[in-house]
Amino acid sequence: MMQHWTRQAGVPDGYTLHGLRHTFGTYLAECNIQARAIMEAMGHSSMTVTDDYVREANKKRMAVDIARAVNEREAKRDAMKRRTAMRVVG
């Protein structure tokens, strides 16, 4: 039945119910939806699985924040190098 429903919905071949559910849970967690609401939307009977989604979303968020901080620091360093080079007067 899942194959029939996914075709009706225009979902490409190869997607599974588990994969779609996982994507949905991940999406909710990445949108900062409260864990309790994710648990209820996913139909989990306990917070154990839901916590995994939230934990993974938090890891991604931290990685993005770290990358952003490093990029900002590098940009500031590069800007300082350019300013120094422009101040040289002969």
PDB file of N, CA and C in Angstrom:
ATOM      1  N   MET A   1       0.825  -1.196   0.000  1.00  0.00           N
ATOM      2  CA  MET A   1       0.000   0.000   0.000  1.00  0.00           C
ATOM      3  C   MET A   1       0.868   1.259   0.000  1.00  0.00           C
ATOM      4  N   MET A   2       1.983   1.204   0.749  1.00  0.00           N
ATOM      5  CA  MET A   2       2.848   2.388   0.831  1.00  0.00           C
ATOM      6  C   MET A   2       3.319   2.800  -0.564  1.00  0.00           C
ATOM      7  N   GLN A   3       3.695   1.834  -1.388  1.00  0.00           N
ATOM      8  CA  GLN A   3       4.151   2.141  -2.740  1.00  0.00           C
ATOM      9  C   GLN A   3       3.038   2.835  -3.542  1.00  0.00           C
ATOM     10  N   HIS A   4       1.840   2.349  -3.408  1.00  0.00           N
ATOM     11  CA  HIS A   4       0.689   2.948  -4.096  1.00  0.00           C
ATOM     12  C   HIS A   4       0.469   4.382  -3.625  1.00  0.00           C
ATOM     13  N   TRP A   5       0.505   4.589  -2.317  1.00  0.00           N
ATOM     14  CA  TRP A   5       0.276   5.926  -1.764  1.00  0.00           C
ATOM     15  C   TRP A   5       1.383   6.895  -2.156  1.00  0.00           C
ATOM     16  N   THR A   6       2.632   6.424  -2.126  1.00  0.00           N
ATOM     17  CA  THR A   6       3.719   7.335  -2.494  1.00  0.00           C
ATOM     18  C   THR A   6       3.637   7.720  -3.958  1.00  0.00           C
ATOM     19  N   ARG A   7       3.231   6.793  -4.803  1.00  0.00           N
ATOM     20  CA  ARG A   7       3.054   7.124  -6.233  1.00  0.00           C
ATOM     21  C   ARG A   7       1.933   8.146  -6.410  1.00  0.00           C
ATOM     22  N   GLN A   8       0.828   7.954  -5.689  1.00  0.00           N
ATOM     23  CA  GLN A   8      -0.286   8.907  -5.762  1.00  0.00           C
ATOM     24  C   GLN A   8       0.159  10.300  -5.318  1.00  0.00           C
ATOM     25  N   ALA A   9       1.032  10.333  -4.334  1.00  0.00           N
ATOM     26  CA  ALA A   9       1.505  11.617  -3.796  1.00  0.00           C
ATOM     27  C   ALA A   9       2.639  12.206  -4.622  1.00  0.00           C
ATOM     28  N   GLY A  10       3.111  11.460  -5.623  1.00  0.00           N
ATOM     29  CA  GLY A  10       4.198  11.968  -6.453  1.00  0.00           C
ATOM     30  C   GLY A  10       5.566  11.831  -5.811  1.00  0.00           C
ATOM     31  N   VAL A  11       5.688  10.968  -4.797  1.00  0.00           N
ATOM     32  CA  VAL A  11       6.968  10.728  -4.140  1.00  0.00           C
ATOM     33  C   VAL A  11       7.787   9.785  -5.026  1.00  0.00           C
ATOM     34  N   PRO A  12       9.059  10.126  -5.309  1.00  0.00           N
ATOM     35  CA  PRO A  12       9.877   9.269  -6.170  1.00  0.00           C
ATOM     36  C   PRO A  12      10.053   7.859  -5.595  1.00  0.00           C
ATOM     37  N   ASP A  13      10.267   6.875  -6.483  1.00  0.00           N
ATOM     38  CA  ASP A  13      10.513   5.495  -6.057  1.00  0.00           C
ATOM     39  C   ASP A  13      11.721   5.432  -5.130  1.00  0.00           C
ATOM     40  N   GLY A  14      11.700   4.465  -4.231  1.00  0.00           N
ATOM     41  CA  GLY A  14      12.833   4.240  -3.338  1.00  0.00           C
ATOM     42  C   GLY A  14      12.652   4.811  -1.941  1.00  0.00           C
ATOM     43  N   TYR A  15      11.679   5.665  -1.754  1.00  0.00           N
ATOM     44  CA  TYR A  15      11.429   6.219  -0.430  1.00  0.00           C
ATOM     45  C   TYR A  15      10.641   5.207   0.384  1.00  0.00           C
ATOM     46  N   THR A  16      11.000   5.076   1.665  1.00  0.00           N
ATOM     47  CA  THR A  16      10.306   4.137   2.537  1.00  0.00           C
ATOM     48  C   THR A  16       9.509   4.907   3.580  1.00  0.00           C
ATOM     49  N   LEU A  17       8.560   4.224   4.175  1.00  0.00           N
ATOM     50  CA  LEU A  17       7.786   4.835   5.248  1.00  0.00           C
ATOM     51  C   LEU A  17       8.710   5.274   6.380  1.00  0.00           C
ATOM     52  N   HIS A  18       9.646   4.404   6.739  1.00  0.00           N
ATOM     53  CA  HIS A  18      10.579   4.747   7.825  1.00  0.00           C
ATOM     54  C   HIS A  18      11.406   5.980   7.459  1.00  0.00           C
ATOM     55  N   GLY A  19      11.890   6.028   6.229  1.00  0.00           N
ATOM     56  CA  GLY A  19      12.689   7.175   5.800  1.00  0.00           C
ATOM     57  C   GLY A  19      11.901   8.470   5.812  1.00  0.00           C
ATOM     58  N   LEU A  20      10.658   8.407   5.357  1.00  0.00           N
ATOM     59  CA  LEU A  20       9.810   9.593   5.362  1.00  0.00           C
ATOM     60  C   LEU A  20       9.496  10.049   6.785  1.00  0.00           C
ATOM     61  N   ARG A  21       9.228   9.085   7.668  1.00  0.00           N
ATOM     62  CA  ARG A  21       8.967   9.433   9.079  1.00  0.00           C
ATOM     63  C   ARG A  21      10.211  10.069   9.708  1.00  0.00           C
ATOM     64  N   HIS A  22      11.369   9.485   9.411  1.00  0.00           N
ATOM     65  CA  HIS A  22      12.621  10.008   9.968  1.00  0.00           C
ATOM     66  C   HIS A  22      12.870  11.433   9.472  1.00  0.00           C
ATOM     67  N   THR A  23      12.634  11.659   8.194  1.00  0.00           N
ATOM     68  CA  THR A  23      12.805  12.998   7.629  1.00  0.00           C
ATOM     69  C   THR A  23      11.865  13.993   8.293  1.00  0.00           C
ATOM     70  N   PHE A  24      10.622  13.572   8.512  1.00  0.00           N
ATOM     71  CA  PHE A  24       9.638  14.425   9.178  1.00  0.00           C
ATOM     72  C   PHE A  24      10.095  14.775  10.600  1.00  0.00           C
ATOM     73  N   GLY A  25      10.524  13.785  11.362  1.00  0.00           N
ATOM     74  CA  GLY A  25      11.001  14.027  12.730  1.00  0.00           C
ATOM     75  C   GLY A  25      12.216  14.934  12.753  1.00  0.00           C
ATOM     76  N   THR A  26      13.128  14.702  11.837  1.00  0.00           N
ATOM     77  CA  THR A  26      14.333  15.526  11.750  1.00  0.00           C
ATOM     78  C   THR A  26      13.969  16.967  11.401  1.00  0.00           C
ATOM     79  N   TYR A  27      13.068  17.117  10.453  1.00  0.00           N
ATOM     80  CA  TYR A  27      12.635  18.457  10.041  1.00  0.00           C
ATOM     81  C   TYR A  27      12.021  19.218  11.221  1.00  0.00           C
ATOM     82  N   LEU A  28      11.153  18.553  11.962  1.00  0.00           N
ATOM     83  CA  LEU A  28      10.530  19.206  13.116  1.00  0.00           C
ATOM     84  C   LEU A  28      11.581  19.630  14.136  1.00  0.00           C
ATOM     85  N   ALA A  29      12.529  18.742  14.413  1.00  0.00           N
ATOM     86  CA  ALA A  29      13.578  19.057  15.394  1.00  0.00           C
ATOM     87  C   ALA A  29      14.438  20.227  14.905  1.00  0.00           C
ATOM     88  N   GLU A  30      14.767  20.245  13.623  1.00  0.00           N
ATOM     89  CA  GLU A  30      15.582  21.323  13.075  1.00  0.00           C
ATOM     90  C   GLU A  30      14.840  22.653  13.037  1.00  0.00           C
ATOM     91  N   CYS A  31      13.513  22.598  13.084  1.00  0.00           N
ATOM     92  CA  CYS A  31      12.689  23.818  13.142  1.00  0.00           C
ATOM     93  C   CYS A  31      12.454  24.276  14.573  1.00  0.00           C
ATOM     94  N   ASN A  32      13.160  23.657  15.523  1.00  0.00           N
ATOM     95  CA  ASN A  32      13.051  24.005  16.952  1.00  0.00           C
ATOM     96  C   ASN A  32      11.674  23.741  17.535  1.00  0.00           C
ATOM     97  N   ILE A  33      10.972  22.764  17.003  1.00  0.00           N
ATOM     98  CA  ILE A  33       9.689  22.374  17.585  1.00  0.00           C
ATOM     99  C   ILE A  33       9.986  21.678  18.910  1.00  0.00           C
ATOM    100  N   GLN A  34       9.173  21.939  19.919  1.00  0.00           N
ATOM    101  CA  GLN A  34       9.402  21.331  21.234  1.00  0.00           C
ATOM    102  C   GLN A  34       9.339  19.811  21.143  1.00  0.00           C
ATOM    103  N   ALA A  35      10.205  19.167  21.930  1.00  0.00           N
ATOM    104  CA  ALA A  35      10.329  17.706  21.896  1.00  0.00           C
ATOM    105  C   ALA A  35       8.995  17.017  22.159  1.00  0.00           C
ATOM    106  N   ARG A  36       8.222  17.533  23.080  1.00  0.00           N
ATOM    107  CA  ARG A  36       6.926  16.919  23.394  1.00  0.00           C
ATOM    108  C   ARG A  36       5.995  16.941  22.171  1.00  0.00           C
ATOM    109  N   ALA A  37       6.002  18.056  21.445  1.00  0.00           N
ATOM    110  CA  ALA A  37       5.165  18.171  20.248  1.00  0.00           C
ATOM    111  C   ALA A  37       5.651  17.208  19.156  1.00  0.00           C
ATOM    112  N   ILE A  38       6.967  17.045  19.031  1.00  0.00           N
ATOM    113  CA  ILE A  38       7.509  16.094  18.063  1.00  0.00           C
ATOM    114  C   ILE A  38       7.075  14.684  18.434  1.00  0.00           C
ATOM    115  N   MET A  39       7.183  14.364  19.716  1.00  0.00           N
ATOM    116  CA  MET A  39       6.783  13.042  20.192  1.00  0.00           C
ATOM    117  C   MET A  39       5.330  12.743  19.816  1.00  0.00           C
ATOM    118  N   GLU A  40       4.468  13.703  20.040  1.00  0.00           N
ATOM    119  CA  GLU A  40       3.054  13.497  19.739  1.00  0.00           C
ATOM    120  C   GLU A  40       2.795  13.427  18.235  1.00  0.00           C
ATOM    121  N   ALA A  41       3.468  14.280  17.467  1.00  0.00           N
ATOM    122  CA  ALA A  41       3.280  14.265  16.019  1.00  0.00           C
ATOM    123  C   ALA A  41       3.774  12.964  15.393  1.00  0.00           C
ATOM    124  N   MET A  42       4.833  12.407  15.973  1.00  0.00           N
ATOM    125  CA  MET A  42       5.414  11.174  15.444  1.00  0.00           C
ATOM    126  C   MET A  42       4.716   9.925  15.975  1.00  0.00           C
ATOM    127  N   GLY A  43       3.941  10.093  17.040  1.00  0.00           N
ATOM    128  CA  GLY A  43       3.256   8.952  17.630  1.00  0.00           C
ATOM    129  C   GLY A  43       4.147   8.093  18.509  1.00  0.00           C
ATOM    130  N   HIS A  44       5.237   8.686  19.015  1.00  0.00           N
ATOM    131  CA  HIS A  44       6.131   7.944  19.907  1.00  0.00           C
ATOM    132  C   HIS A  44       5.457   7.763  21.270  1.00  0.00           C
ATOM    133  N   SER A  45       5.711   6.622  21.891  1.00  0.00           N
ATOM    134  CA  SER A  45       5.115   6.372  23.203  1.00  0.00           C
ATOM    135  C   SER A  45       5.991   6.890  24.329  1.00  0.00           C
ATOM    136  N   SER A  46       7.247   7.210  24.034  1.00  0.00           N
ATOM    137  CA  SER A  46       8.147   7.789  25.047  1.00  0.00           C
ATOM    138  C   SER A  46       9.063   8.799  24.365  1.00  0.00           C
ATOM    139  N   MET A  47       9.797   9.530  25.170  1.00  0.00           N
ATOM    140  CA  MET A  47      10.684  10.571  24.644  1.00  0.00           C
ATOM    141  C   MET A  47      12.008  10.005  24.134  1.00  0.00           C
ATOM    142  N   THR A  48      12.273   8.735  24.333  1.00  0.00           N
ATOM    143  CA  THR A  48      13.569   8.156  23.990  1.00  0.00           C
ATOM    144  C   THR A  48      13.944   8.391  22.529  1.00  0.00           C
ATOM    145  N   VAL A  49      13.086   8.017  21.605  1.00  0.00           N
ATOM    146  CA  VAL A  49      13.379   8.184  20.182  1.00  0.00           C
ATOM    147  C   VAL A  49      13.338   9.660  19.810  1.00  0.00           C
ATOM    148  N   THR A  50      12.395  10.371  20.354  1.00  0.00           N
ATOM    149  CA  THR A  50      12.266  11.803  20.079  1.00  0.00           C
ATOM    150  C   THR A  50      13.536  12.539  20.475  1.00  0.00           C
ATOM    151  N   ASP A  51      14.109  12.174  21.607  1.00  0.00           N
ATOM    152  CA  ASP A  51      15.346  12.809  22.058  1.00  0.00           C
ATOM    153  C   ASP A  51      16.473  12.628  21.044  1.00  0.00           C
ATOM    154  N   ASP A  52      16.486  11.511  20.338  1.00  0.00           N
ATOM    155  CA  ASP A  52      17.506  11.296  19.307  1.00  0.00           C
ATOM    156  C   ASP A  52      17.389  12.346  18.206  1.00  0.00           C
ATOM    157  N   TYR A  53      16.173  12.635  17.778  1.00  0.00           N
ATOM    158  CA  TYR A  53      15.963  13.661  16.746  1.00  0.00           C
ATOM    159  C   TYR A  53      16.450  15.022  17.240  1.00  0.00           C
ATOM    160  N   VAL A  54      16.083  15.353  18.457  1.00  0.00           N
ATOM    161  CA  VAL A  54      16.458  16.653  19.021  1.00  0.00           C
ATOM    162  C   VAL A  54      17.973  16.739  19.181  1.00  0.00           C
ATOM    163  N   ARG A  55      18.595  15.682  19.666  1.00  0.00           N
ATOM    164  CA  ARG A  55      20.049  15.656  19.864  1.00  0.00           C
ATOM    165  C   ARG A  55      20.784  15.847  18.520  1.00  0.00           C
ATOM    166  N   GLU A  56      20.329  15.147  17.489  1.00  0.00           N
ATOM    167  CA  GLU A  56      20.959  15.283  16.173  1.00  0.00           C
ATOM    168  C   GLU A  56      20.775  16.687  15.605  1.00  0.00           C
ATOM    169  N   ALA A  57      19.598  17.260  15.792  1.00  0.00           N
ATOM    170  CA  ALA A  57      19.358  18.633  15.314  1.00  0.00           C
ATOM    171  C   ALA A  57      20.265  19.612  16.053  1.00  0.00           C
ATOM    172  N   ASN A  58      20.450  19.401  17.348  1.00  0.00           N
ATOM    173  CA  ASN A  58      21.332  20.274  18.129  1.00  0.00           C
ATOM    174  C   ASN A  58      22.779  20.153  17.672  1.00  0.00           C
ATOM    175  N   LYS A  59      23.211  18.933  17.329  1.00  0.00           N
ATOM    176  CA  LYS A  59      24.573  18.741  16.817  1.00  0.00           C
ATOM    177  C   LYS A  59      24.767  19.507  15.512  1.00  0.00           C
ATOM    178  N   LYS A  60      23.777  19.426  14.628  1.00  0.00           N
ATOM    179  CA  LYS A  60      23.863  20.155  13.358  1.00  0.00           C
ATOM    180  C   LYS A  60      23.917  21.655  13.609  1.00  0.00           C
ATOM    181  N   ARG A  61      23.078  22.121  14.531  1.00  0.00           N
ATOM    182  CA  ARG A  61      23.027  23.546  14.855  1.00  0.00           C
ATOM    183  C   ARG A  61      24.377  24.024  15.379  1.00  0.00           C
ATOM    184  N   MET A  62      24.987  23.217  16.264  1.00  0.00           N
ATOM    185  CA  MET A  62      26.297  23.582  16.803  1.00  0.00           C
ATOM    186  C   MET A  62      27.353  23.627  15.703  1.00  0.00           C
ATOM    187  N   ALA A  63      27.327  22.647  14.805  1.00  0.00           N
ATOM    188  CA  ALA A  63      28.299  22.615  13.710  1.00  0.00           C
ATOM    189  C   ALA A  63      28.150  23.846  12.823  1.00  0.00           C
ATOM    190  N   VAL A  64      26.920  24.238  12.535  1.00  0.00           N
ATOM    191  CA  VAL A  64      26.678  25.425  11.713  1.00  0.00           C
ATOM    192  C   VAL A  64      27.160  26.678  12.446  1.00  0.00           C
ATOM    193  N   ASP A  65      26.875  26.767  13.752  1.00  0.00           N
ATOM    194  CA  ASP A  65      27.318  27.922  14.538  1.00  0.00           C
ATOM    195  C   ASP A  65      28.842  28.014  14.574  1.00  0.00           C
ATOM    196  N   ILE A  66      29.506  26.868  14.722  1.00  0.00           N
ATOM    197  CA  ILE A  66      30.967  26.852  14.750  1.00  0.00           C
ATOM    198  C   ILE A  66      31.519  27.292  13.398  1.00  0.00           C
ATOM    199  N   ALA A  67      30.975  26.743  12.318  1.00  0.00           N
ATOM    200  CA  ALA A  67      31.440  27.113  10.977  1.00  0.00           C
ATOM    201  C   ALA A  67      31.230  28.602  10.729  1.00  0.00           C
ATOM    202  N   ARG A  68      30.090  29.127  11.155  1.00  0.00           N
ATOM    203  CA  ARG A  68      29.805  30.553  10.975  1.00  0.00           C
ATOM    204  C   ARG A  68      30.814  31.403  11.747  1.00  0.00           C
ATOM    205  N   ALA A  69      31.115  31.015  12.999  1.00  0.00           N
ATOM    206  CA  ALA A  69      32.067  31.765  13.815  1.00  0.00           C
ATOM    207  C   ALA A  69      33.461  31.748  13.184  1.00  0.00           C
ATOM    208  N   VAL A  70      33.878  30.586  12.695  1.00  0.00           N
ATOM    209  CA  VAL A  70      35.187  30.476  12.048  1.00  0.00           C
ATOM    210  C   VAL A  70      35.225  31.347  10.792  1.00  0.00           C
ATOM    211  N   ASN A  71      34.185  31.293   9.984  1.00  0.00           N
ATOM    212  CA  ASN A  71      34.130  32.104   8.762  1.00  0.00           C
ATOM    213  C   ASN A  71      34.161  33.594   9.073  1.00  0.00           C
ATOM    214  N   GLU A  72      33.440  34.022  10.109  1.00  0.00           N
ATOM    215  CA  GLU A  72      33.452  35.433  10.496  1.00  0.00           C
ATOM    216  C   GLU A  72      34.839  35.858  10.957  1.00  0.00           C
ATOM    217  N   ARG A  73      35.487  35.000  11.729  1.00  0.00           N
ATOM    218  CA  ARG A  73      36.836  35.298  12.223  1.00  0.00           C
ATOM    219  C   ARG A  73      37.817  35.404  11.063  1.00  0.00           C
ATOM    220  N   GLU A  74      37.705  34.481  10.114  1.00  0.00           N
ATOM    221  CA  GLU A  74      38.585  34.506   8.944  1.00  0.00           C
ATOM    222  C   GLU A  74      38.335  35.770   8.120  1.00  0.00           C
ATOM    223  N   ALA A  75      37.094  36.157   7.965  1.00  0.00           N
ATOM    224  CA  ALA A  75      36.761  37.361   7.203  1.00  0.00           C
ATOM    225  C   ALA A  75      37.334  38.608   7.875  1.00  0.00           C
ATOM    226  N   LYS A  76      37.243  38.667   9.203  1.00  0.00           N
ATOM    227  CA  LYS A  76      37.815  39.810   9.934  1.00  0.00           C
ATOM    228  C   LYS A  76      39.325  39.848   9.756  1.00  0.00           C
ATOM    229  N   ARG A  77      39.968  38.670   9.846  1.00  0.00           N
ATOM    230  CA  ARG A  77      41.414  38.601   9.683  1.00  0.00           C
ATOM    231  C   ARG A  77      41.814  39.065   8.278  1.00  0.00           C
ATOM    232  N   ASP A  78      41.078  38.606   7.273  1.00  0.00           N
ATOM    233  CA  ASP A  78      41.375  39.006   5.899  1.00  0.00           C
ATOM    234  C   ASP A  78      41.170  40.506   5.701  1.00  0.00           C
ATOM    235  N   ALA A  79      40.119  41.054   6.306  1.00  0.00           N
ATOM    236  CA  ALA A  79      39.852  42.488   6.198  1.00  0.00           C
ATOM    237  C   ALA A  79      40.985  43.289   6.842  1.00  0.00           C
ATOM    238  N   MET A  80      41.498  42.814   7.965  1.00  0.00           N
ATOM    239  CA  MET A  80      42.606  43.505   8.636  1.00  0.00           C
ATOM    240  C   MET A  80      43.859  43.477   7.763  1.00  0.00           C
ATOM    241  N   LYS A  81      44.111  42.362   7.094  1.00  0.00           N
ATOM    242  CA  LYS A  81      45.276  42.271   6.208  1.00  0.00           C
ATOM    243  C   LYS A  81      45.150  43.265   5.061  1.00  0.00           C
ATOM    244  N   ARG A  82      43.945  43.385   4.501  1.00  0.00           N
ATOM    245  CA  ARG A  82      43.726  44.321   3.401  1.00  0.00           C
ATOM    246  C   ARG A  82      43.906  45.757   3.860  1.00  0.00           C
ATOM    247  N   ARG A  83      43.423  46.100   5.038  1.00  0.00           N
ATOM    248  CA  ARG A  83      43.575  47.457   5.561  1.00  0.00           C
ATOM    249  C   ARG A  83      45.044  47.796   5.766  1.00  0.00           C
ATOM    250  N   THR A  84      45.785  46.857   6.325  1.00  0.00           N
ATOM    251  CA  THR A  84      47.208  47.076   6.585  1.00  0.00           C
ATOM    252  C   THR A  84      47.936  47.341   5.277  1.00  0.00           C
ATOM    253  N   ALA A  85      47.648  46.578   4.252  1.00  0.00           N
ATOM    254  CA  ALA A  85      48.300  46.741   2.961  1.00  0.00           C
ATOM    255  C   ALA A  85      47.951  48.085   2.343  1.00  0.00           C
ATOM    256  N   MET A  86      46.772  48.595   2.589  1.00  0.00           N
ATOM    257  CA  MET A  86      46.349  49.853   1.984  1.00  0.00           C
ATOM    258  C   MET A  86      46.967  51.056   2.687  1.00  0.00           C
ATOM    259  N   ARG A  87      47.441  50.907   3.903  1.00  0.00           N
ATOM    260  CA  ARG A  87      48.000  52.035   4.661  1.00  0.00           C
ATOM    261  C   ARG A  87      49.461  52.308   4.339  1.00  0.00           C
ATOM    262  N   VAL A  88      50.064  51.422   3.614  1.00  0.00           N
ATOM    263  CA  VAL A  88      51.480  51.616   3.295  1.00  0.00           C
ATOM    264  C   VAL A  88      51.614  52.793   2.336  1.00  0.00           C
ATOM    265  N   VAL A  89      52.411  53.780   2.756  1.00  0.00           N
ATOM    266  CA  VAL A  89      52.608  54.989   1.953  1.00  0.00           C
ATOM    267  C   VAL A  89      54.091  55.107   1.652  1.00  0.00           C
ATOM    268  N   GLY A  90      54.419  55.377   0.399  1.00  0.00           N
ATOM    269  CA  GLY A  90      55.819  55.404  -0.030  1.00  0.00           C
ATOM    270  C   GLY A  90      56.476  56.707   0.099  1.00  0.00           C
TER     271      GLY A  90
END
